[in-house]
Amino acid sequence: MTTTSDRTPNGYAELFAWLLGVGKKGVRGLYLCLRGTDYQSLAEFSRNFGVCMNSVADVEKGLELCIRPMRRTLIGRHWKTAVETVQQGGSLTDALSPAREFLPGFYLPLVQAGEQSGRLAEVFQFLHDHCKALHEPLTNLRRTWIFPLAIFFAGSVFRILMCLLNGDVILAIQLAFSEALGWALTALIFGLVMLSPIRYSIDQLRLSLPLVGTLEREIATHRFFRVMSMMYAVGEHRVESMIRLAAETVTNRAARMDLEKAAIAIENHQTMAEAFQKVGFLFAQTQTTIKTTELSGTLARGFQHISDEAGTSMVMKLSWIQPILFRLVVLMVALSILSTLLKIAIGLI
C-alpha cells in the first residue's frame, strides 16, 4: 500500500502532506538511530529459542519460555502478543513483526526463511552467532558519533546557561536561536542522507572502500548465501523467490539491488552461474564456487560453503577491528570535548 510520504506530491495540499509525512518518517528514523538495536538481548533470545526448537520443536511453547526474560526490554514489550498470534494460527514471522522497527533488517527475513525451509533451529543459531558478532563492533561504531554529538549538545546548552547566569538575556536568546538553527540543519542533512537516493550512493561507496567494503561484502554474502543454502536444499520454492527473500537480509541497499539482478536473470531462463555473474560485488572465488557446484549438482552445499567462508572471514576482521573502533571512540570523544571547551572559552572572552 502506498503511503502519503511515498507518493509524488501534486498541488500545495499534497506537497504539505508529503513534507509532513517525510518529516515524521525522518524524526522516527532519527529516534530509532539514536536508540540503537539491542543486539545483546536478541542474541540471547535467538540462542534460547534455537535450543527450544532443537529439544521441544514447539513454536508456541518456545516463544512463551524465551520471551519471558525479555519482557522488560523494548523488543520484549512489542512481543507481548506473539504467543497469542501463534495460537491463532499466525506464523512465527507474524508473531515477531510488531517489533519490526526495533529489529535489524536481516532478522525477520531470516526467520521467514527458517519457517519456509523447516530449519528454525539452524536459523536461530545463526542469528545468535551473527548478533553476538555484531554487538560490540556496532556498539562502538555508534558511540563514535553519538558520544561526540551528546557532548556538543551539552556544550550548546552550557553556553546558553552561561549567558543567562551573566544576565545577558538578549545574547542568550540569539545564541539559542543560532544553536537551534545549526542543529536543525544537521538533522535535515542527516534526514536527506537517510531517506533520499543519496543513501544508495553512500552504500555503493561503502562497498568500494578497501577495508570497510570488503567487510560489507562479507556480511552480505554470509547472510544471503545462508538463506539460499537452506531454501535451495528444500527445493519447494521458485529460485527467483529464494533470491529475493535472501536479498532482504542484506541491509546495504546497493548490494541488495545488485543481488536482485540475479532473480531477474533467473526469470529470463539463465543458469544460476550466469545469473550470479550479474552481481558485481561478489568475490571471484564465490562466482567460481557457484559455477562448479552447479555443474556437480551440489548447489545447496556450495551456498553453505560460501556462507561459512564469508562468516569466518567476517568474524576475524571484526575481532581485530574492535580495538581500532574503541580507540576511535576515545579519540572522537577527546576531540569533541576539546572543541566544546574551546567554543565555551571563546564565548567567555
Protein backbone atom coordinates (compact mmCIF):
# COMPACT_ATOMS: atom_id res chain seq x y z
CA MET A 1 0.00 0.00 0.00
CA THR A 2 1.40 3.42 -0.98
CA THR A 3 1.63 5.90 1.90
CA THR A 4 1.33 9.67 1.67
CA SER A 5 5.09 10.09 2.06
CA ASP A 6 5.79 7.63 -0.80
CA ARG A 7 3.65 9.37 -3.46
CA THR A 8 4.84 12.18 -5.71
CA PRO A 9 3.12 15.40 -4.47
CA ASN A 10 0.57 17.05 -6.78
CA GLY A 11 -0.56 20.52 -5.65
CA TYR A 12 0.15 22.51 -2.48
CA ALA A 13 -2.07 20.40 -0.19
CA GLU A 14 -0.41 17.16 -1.23
CA LEU A 15 3.02 18.84 -1.10
CA PHE A 16 2.39 19.82 2.53
CA ALA A 17 1.11 16.32 3.37
CA TRP A 18 4.13 14.78 1.65
CA LEU A 19 6.58 17.03 3.51
CA LEU A 20 4.80 16.25 6.78
CA GLY A 21 5.00 12.52 6.06
CA VAL A 22 8.70 12.73 5.21
CA GLY A 23 9.28 14.81 8.33
CA LYS A 24 7.54 12.29 10.59
CA LYS A 25 9.42 9.46 8.95
CA GLY A 26 12.71 11.31 9.41
CA VAL A 27 12.03 12.06 13.08
CA ARG A 28 11.09 8.44 13.69
CA GLY A 29 14.20 7.24 11.87
CA LEU A 30 16.39 9.61 13.89
CA TYR A 31 14.85 8.34 17.15
CA LEU A 32 15.47 4.71 16.16
CA CYS A 33 19.01 5.54 15.09
CA LEU A 34 19.74 7.26 18.41
CA ARG A 35 18.19 4.40 20.37
CA GLY A 36 20.11 1.68 18.52
CA THR A 37 19.42 -2.06 18.29
CA ASP A 38 19.60 -4.30 21.36
CA TYR A 39 21.83 -6.94 19.78
CA GLN A 40 22.72 -8.47 23.16
CA SER A 41 19.11 -9.31 24.06
CA LEU A 42 18.44 -10.52 20.51
CA ALA A 43 21.45 -12.84 20.66
CA GLU A 44 20.27 -14.33 23.96
CA PHE A 45 16.69 -14.75 22.69
CA SER A 46 17.92 -16.37 19.47
CA ARG A 47 20.14 -18.82 21.37
CA ASN A 48 17.36 -19.79 23.78
CA PHE A 49 14.75 -20.18 21.04
CA GLY A 50 17.16 -22.24 18.92
CA VAL A 51 17.70 -24.60 21.88
CA CYS A 52 13.91 -24.87 22.32
CA MET A 53 13.45 -25.74 18.64
CA ASN A 54 16.11 -28.45 18.95
CA SER A 55 14.61 -30.03 22.05
CA VAL A 56 10.88 -29.25 22.06
CA ALA A 57 10.20 -28.20 18.44
CA ASP A 58 7.04 -26.39 19.61
CA VAL A 59 6.95 -22.76 18.48
CA GLU A 60 4.24 -21.73 20.94
CA LYS A 61 5.98 -23.20 24.00
CA GLY A 62 9.36 -21.96 22.78
CA LEU A 63 8.07 -18.40 22.43
CA GLU A 64 6.38 -18.49 25.83
CA LEU A 65 9.62 -19.57 27.52
CA CYS A 66 12.05 -17.36 25.59
CA ILE A 67 10.09 -14.09 25.55
CA ARG A 68 9.65 -14.17 29.33
CA PRO A 69 13.22 -12.94 30.11
CA MET A 70 12.78 -10.14 27.53
CA ARG A 71 9.57 -8.64 28.96
CA ARG A 72 11.40 -5.62 30.41
CA THR A 73 13.16 -4.81 27.12
CA LEU A 74 11.69 -2.62 24.37
CA ILE A 75 11.60 -5.52 21.91
CA GLY A 76 10.03 -7.83 24.51
CA ARG A 77 7.22 -5.34 25.17
CA HIS A 78 6.37 -5.39 21.46
CA TRP A 79 6.30 -9.20 21.56
CA LYS A 80 3.69 -9.44 24.34
CA THR A 81 1.06 -10.75 21.87
CA ALA A 82 3.47 -13.07 20.00
CA VAL A 83 2.26 -16.29 21.68
CA GLU A 84 -1.35 -15.30 21.07
CA THR A 85 -0.61 -14.69 17.37
CA VAL A 86 0.82 -18.21 17.01
CA GLN A 87 -2.14 -19.69 18.92
CA GLN A 88 -4.49 -18.03 16.43
CA GLY A 89 -2.68 -19.67 13.51
CA GLY A 90 -0.24 -16.92 12.65
CA SER A 91 3.33 -17.62 11.57
CA LEU A 92 6.38 -17.00 13.75
CA THR A 93 7.34 -14.13 11.43
CA ASP A 94 3.91 -12.54 12.01
CA ALA A 95 4.31 -13.05 15.76
CA LEU A 96 7.65 -11.22 15.85
CA SER A 97 6.67 -8.49 13.34
CA PRO A 98 5.27 -5.96 15.89
CA ALA A 99 8.88 -5.22 16.89
CA ARG A 100 9.99 -4.89 13.25
CA GLU A 101 11.32 -1.32 13.51
CA PHE A 102 13.43 -2.21 16.57
CA LEU A 103 14.95 -5.29 14.92
CA PRO A 104 17.89 -5.29 12.49
CA GLY A 105 16.75 -5.51 8.88
CA PHE A 106 18.08 -9.04 8.40
CA TYR A 107 16.28 -10.60 11.39
CA LEU A 108 12.70 -11.22 10.17
CA PRO A 109 13.65 -12.32 6.61
CA LEU A 110 15.92 -14.97 8.15
CA VAL A 111 13.11 -16.11 10.47
CA GLN A 112 10.80 -16.34 7.45
CA ALA A 113 13.40 -18.37 5.55
CA GLY A 114 13.74 -20.72 8.54
CA GLU A 115 9.98 -21.25 8.62
CA GLN A 116 9.72 -21.88 4.89
CA SER A 117 12.64 -24.32 4.90
CA GLY A 118 11.68 -26.06 8.16
CA ARG A 119 15.08 -25.25 9.72
CA LEU A 120 14.19 -22.85 12.52
CA ALA A 121 16.76 -24.28 14.95
CA GLU A 122 19.57 -23.66 12.46
CA VAL A 123 18.34 -20.14 11.66
CA PHE A 124 18.17 -19.08 15.31
CA GLN A 125 21.61 -20.49 15.99
CA PHE A 126 22.85 -18.43 13.04
CA LEU A 127 21.05 -15.35 14.37
CA HIS A 128 22.62 -15.86 17.80
CA ASP A 129 26.13 -16.09 16.35
CA HIS A 130 25.56 -13.17 13.97
CA CYS A 131 24.04 -10.80 16.55
CA LYS A 132 26.77 -11.71 19.05
CA ALA A 133 29.50 -10.98 16.47
CA LEU A 134 27.96 -7.62 15.51
CA HIS A 135 27.11 -6.43 19.04
CA GLU A 136 30.43 -4.94 20.18
CA PRO A 137 31.64 -3.50 16.82
CA LEU A 138 28.31 -1.82 16.05
CA THR A 139 28.02 -0.52 19.61
CA ASN A 140 31.46 1.10 19.35
CA LEU A 141 30.74 2.39 15.86
CA ARG A 142 27.57 4.01 17.17
CA ARG A 143 29.49 5.57 20.06
CA THR A 144 31.89 7.26 17.63
CA TRP A 145 29.13 9.67 16.62
CA ILE A 146 26.57 9.61 19.45
CA PHE A 147 29.02 10.48 22.27
CA PRO A 148 30.53 13.50 20.45
CA LEU A 149 27.01 14.56 19.45
CA ALA A 150 25.91 14.47 23.10
CA ILE A 151 28.98 16.46 24.15
CA PHE A 152 28.39 19.13 21.50
CA PHE A 153 24.71 19.39 22.52
CA ALA A 154 25.66 19.70 26.21
CA GLY A 155 28.16 22.41 25.21
CA SER A 156 25.43 24.35 23.39
CA VAL A 157 23.15 24.22 26.44
CA PHE A 158 26.00 25.20 28.76
CA ARG A 159 26.89 28.27 26.66
CA ILE A 160 23.26 29.45 26.76
CA LEU A 161 23.13 28.92 30.54
CA MET A 162 26.37 30.88 30.97
CA CYS A 163 24.82 33.84 29.13
CA LEU A 164 21.72 33.67 31.35
CA LEU A 165 23.81 33.49 34.52
CA ASN A 166 25.74 36.58 33.37
CA GLY A 167 22.41 38.38 32.95
CA ASP A 168 22.71 38.75 29.16
CA VAL A 169 19.23 37.54 28.16
CA ILE A 170 19.37 39.02 24.62
CA LEU A 171 22.63 37.22 23.85
CA ALA A 172 21.23 34.01 25.33
CA ILE A 173 18.18 34.21 23.04
CA GLN A 174 20.37 34.93 20.00
CA LEU A 175 22.67 32.06 20.89
CA ALA A 176 19.73 29.71 21.45
CA PHE A 177 18.29 30.62 18.04
CA SER A 178 21.68 30.14 16.37
CA GLU A 179 22.25 26.76 18.04
CA ALA A 180 18.70 25.57 17.24
CA LEU A 181 19.17 26.53 13.58
CA GLY A 182 22.50 24.68 13.47
CA TRP A 183 21.04 21.51 14.99
CA ALA A 184 18.02 21.71 12.64
CA LEU A 185 20.31 21.92 9.60
CA THR A 186 22.33 18.95 10.91
CA ALA A 187 19.13 16.93 11.33
CA LEU A 188 17.98 17.96 7.83
CA ILE A 189 21.26 16.83 6.25
CA PHE A 190 21.07 13.56 8.17
CA GLY A 191 17.47 13.05 7.03
CA LEU A 192 18.36 13.70 3.39
CA VAL A 193 21.17 11.15 3.59
CA MET A 194 18.99 8.50 5.27
CA LEU A 195 15.75 8.97 3.30
CA SER A 196 16.80 10.08 -0.17
CA PRO A 197 18.51 8.33 -3.12
CA ILE A 198 21.79 9.65 -1.69
CA ARG A 199 21.66 6.66 0.68
CA TYR A 200 22.09 4.31 -2.31
CA SER A 201 25.17 6.22 -3.49
CA ILE A 202 26.67 6.12 0.01
CA ASP A 203 26.06 2.36 0.21
CA GLN A 204 27.76 1.97 -3.18
CA LEU A 205 30.72 3.97 -1.91
CA ARG A 206 30.95 1.80 1.21
CA LEU A 207 31.18 -1.32 -0.96
CA SER A 208 34.12 0.15 -2.89
CA LEU A 209 36.20 1.14 0.16
CA PRO A 210 39.31 -1.02 0.76
CA LEU A 211 38.59 -2.44 4.25
CA VAL A 212 35.03 -1.40 5.04
CA GLY A 213 33.85 -2.50 1.59
CA THR A 214 35.34 -5.98 1.96
CA LEU A 215 33.67 -6.38 5.37
CA GLU A 216 30.33 -5.13 3.99
CA ARG A 217 30.51 -7.64 1.14
CA GLU A 218 31.37 -10.48 3.52
CA ILE A 219 28.45 -9.66 5.83
CA ALA A 220 26.06 -9.52 2.87
CA THR A 221 27.47 -12.76 1.41
CA HIS A 222 27.29 -14.53 4.79
CA ARG A 223 23.59 -13.74 5.28
CA PHE A 224 22.45 -14.10 1.68
CA PHE A 225 24.00 -17.49 0.95
CA ARG A 226 22.98 -18.93 4.32
CA VAL A 227 19.35 -18.36 3.34
CA MET A 228 19.99 -19.65 -0.18
CA SER A 229 21.54 -22.87 1.17
CA MET A 230 18.50 -23.59 3.36
CA MET A 231 15.88 -22.68 0.77
CA TYR A 232 17.60 -24.45 -2.12
CA ALA A 233 18.04 -27.66 -0.10
CA VAL A 234 14.26 -27.83 0.41
CA GLY A 235 13.53 -27.07 -3.24
CA GLU A 236 9.87 -26.17 -2.71
CA HIS A 237 10.11 -22.57 -3.92
CA ARG A 238 10.92 -20.87 -7.17
CA VAL A 239 14.59 -19.89 -7.38
CA GLU A 240 13.85 -16.21 -8.07
CA SER A 241 11.66 -16.13 -4.93
CA MET A 242 14.51 -17.63 -2.91
CA ILE A 243 16.91 -14.98 -4.20
CA ARG A 244 14.53 -12.11 -3.39
CA LEU A 245 13.85 -13.42 0.11
CA ALA A 246 17.57 -13.94 0.75
CA ALA A 247 18.32 -10.43 -0.59
CA GLU A 248 16.02 -8.95 2.08
CA THR A 249 18.59 -9.97 4.72
CA VAL A 250 21.14 -7.58 3.14
CA THR A 251 20.94 -4.10 4.67
CA ASN A 252 23.26 -2.41 2.17
CA ARG A 253 20.85 -1.12 -0.50
CA ALA A 254 23.38 -1.17 -3.33
CA ALA A 255 24.30 -4.79 -2.58
CA ARG A 256 20.64 -5.80 -2.23
CA MET A 257 19.68 -4.28 -5.59
CA ASP A 258 22.73 -5.93 -7.15
CA LEU A 259 21.62 -9.34 -5.84
CA GLU A 260 18.11 -8.84 -7.19
CA LYS A 261 19.62 -8.75 -10.71
CA ALA A 262 20.21 -12.49 -10.28
CA ALA A 263 16.47 -13.04 -9.71
CA ILE A 264 15.67 -11.16 -12.94
CA ALA A 265 18.26 -13.25 -14.80
CA ILE A 266 16.68 -16.50 -13.49
CA GLU A 267 13.28 -15.27 -14.70
CA ASN A 268 14.92 -14.81 -18.11
CA HIS A 269 15.84 -18.55 -18.05
CA GLN A 270 19.56 -18.13 -17.35
CA THR A 271 21.52 -20.65 -15.29
CA MET A 272 22.46 -19.99 -11.65
CA ALA A 273 26.09 -19.29 -12.57
CA GLU A 274 25.03 -16.89 -15.34
CA ALA A 275 22.57 -15.18 -13.01
CA PHE A 276 25.12 -14.51 -10.27
CA GLN A 277 27.64 -13.19 -12.81
CA LYS A 278 25.27 -10.18 -12.98
CA VAL A 279 26.05 -9.46 -9.29
CA GLY A 280 29.06 -7.17 -9.36
CA PHE A 281 30.04 -7.10 -5.68
CA LEU A 282 30.54 -10.88 -5.29
CA PHE A 283 34.11 -12.15 -4.98
CA ALA A 284 35.64 -14.06 -7.92
CA GLN A 285 36.01 -17.16 -5.72
CA THR A 286 32.29 -17.02 -4.94
CA GLN A 287 31.44 -16.96 -8.66
CA THR A 288 33.72 -19.97 -9.23
CA THR A 289 32.13 -21.94 -6.38
CA ILE A 290 28.63 -21.33 -7.76
CA LYS A 291 29.69 -22.42 -11.23
CA THR A 292 31.45 -25.63 -10.12
CA THR A 293 28.74 -26.70 -7.63
CA GLU A 294 26.02 -26.09 -10.22
CA LEU A 295 27.84 -28.39 -12.64
CA SER A 296 28.22 -31.05 -9.93
CA GLY A 297 24.62 -30.72 -8.72
CA THR A 298 25.63 -29.65 -5.18
CA LEU A 299 24.48 -26.03 -5.16
CA ALA A 300 22.96 -26.17 -1.66
CA ARG A 301 26.27 -27.39 -0.27
CA GLY A 302 28.12 -24.76 -2.31
CA PHE A 303 25.93 -21.97 -0.93
CA GLN A 304 26.59 -23.25 2.59
CA HIS A 305 30.34 -23.28 1.91
CA ILE A 306 30.26 -19.70 0.58
CA SER A 307 28.34 -18.52 3.65
CA ASP A 308 30.68 -20.32 6.08
CA GLU A 309 33.81 -18.90 4.44
CA ALA A 310 32.41 -15.37 4.41
CA GLY A 311 31.31 -15.72 8.05
CA THR A 312 34.74 -16.94 9.20
CA SER A 313 36.49 -14.08 7.41
CA MET A 314 33.92 -11.59 8.76
CA VAL A 315 34.46 -12.69 12.39
CA MET A 316 38.24 -12.46 12.00
CA LYS A 317 38.02 -8.91 10.63
CA LEU A 318 35.58 -7.82 13.34
CA SER A 319 37.86 -9.20 16.06
CA TRP A 320 40.82 -7.01 15.06
CA ILE A 321 38.68 -4.03 14.02
CA GLN A 322 37.17 -3.99 17.53
CA PRO A 323 40.19 -2.39 19.33
CA ILE A 324 40.56 0.12 16.47
CA LEU A 325 36.93 1.19 16.93
CA PHE A 326 37.45 1.54 20.69
CA ARG A 327 40.44 3.84 20.15
CA LEU A 328 38.43 5.79 17.58
CA VAL A 329 35.67 6.34 20.16
CA VAL A 330 38.22 7.67 22.69
CA LEU A 331 39.76 9.97 20.06
CA MET A 332 36.38 11.33 18.89
CA VAL A 333 35.25 11.98 22.47
CA ALA A 334 38.54 13.74 23.30
CA LEU A 335 38.34 15.94 20.18
CA SER A 336 34.69 16.82 20.82
CA ILE A 337 35.45 17.78 24.44
CA LEU A 338 38.36 19.99 23.35
CA SER A 339 36.25 21.60 20.63
CA THR A 340 33.38 22.26 23.05
CA LEU A 341 35.70 23.73 25.71
CA LEU A 342 37.31 25.96 23.06
CA LYS A 343 33.88 27.28 21.99
CA ILE A 344 32.96 27.98 25.61
CA ALA A 345 36.30 29.75 26.24
CA ILE A 346 35.86 31.93 23.12
CA GLY A 347 32.35 32.79 24.26
CA LEU A 348 33.58 33.92 27.68
CA ILE A 349 36.27 36.22 26.23
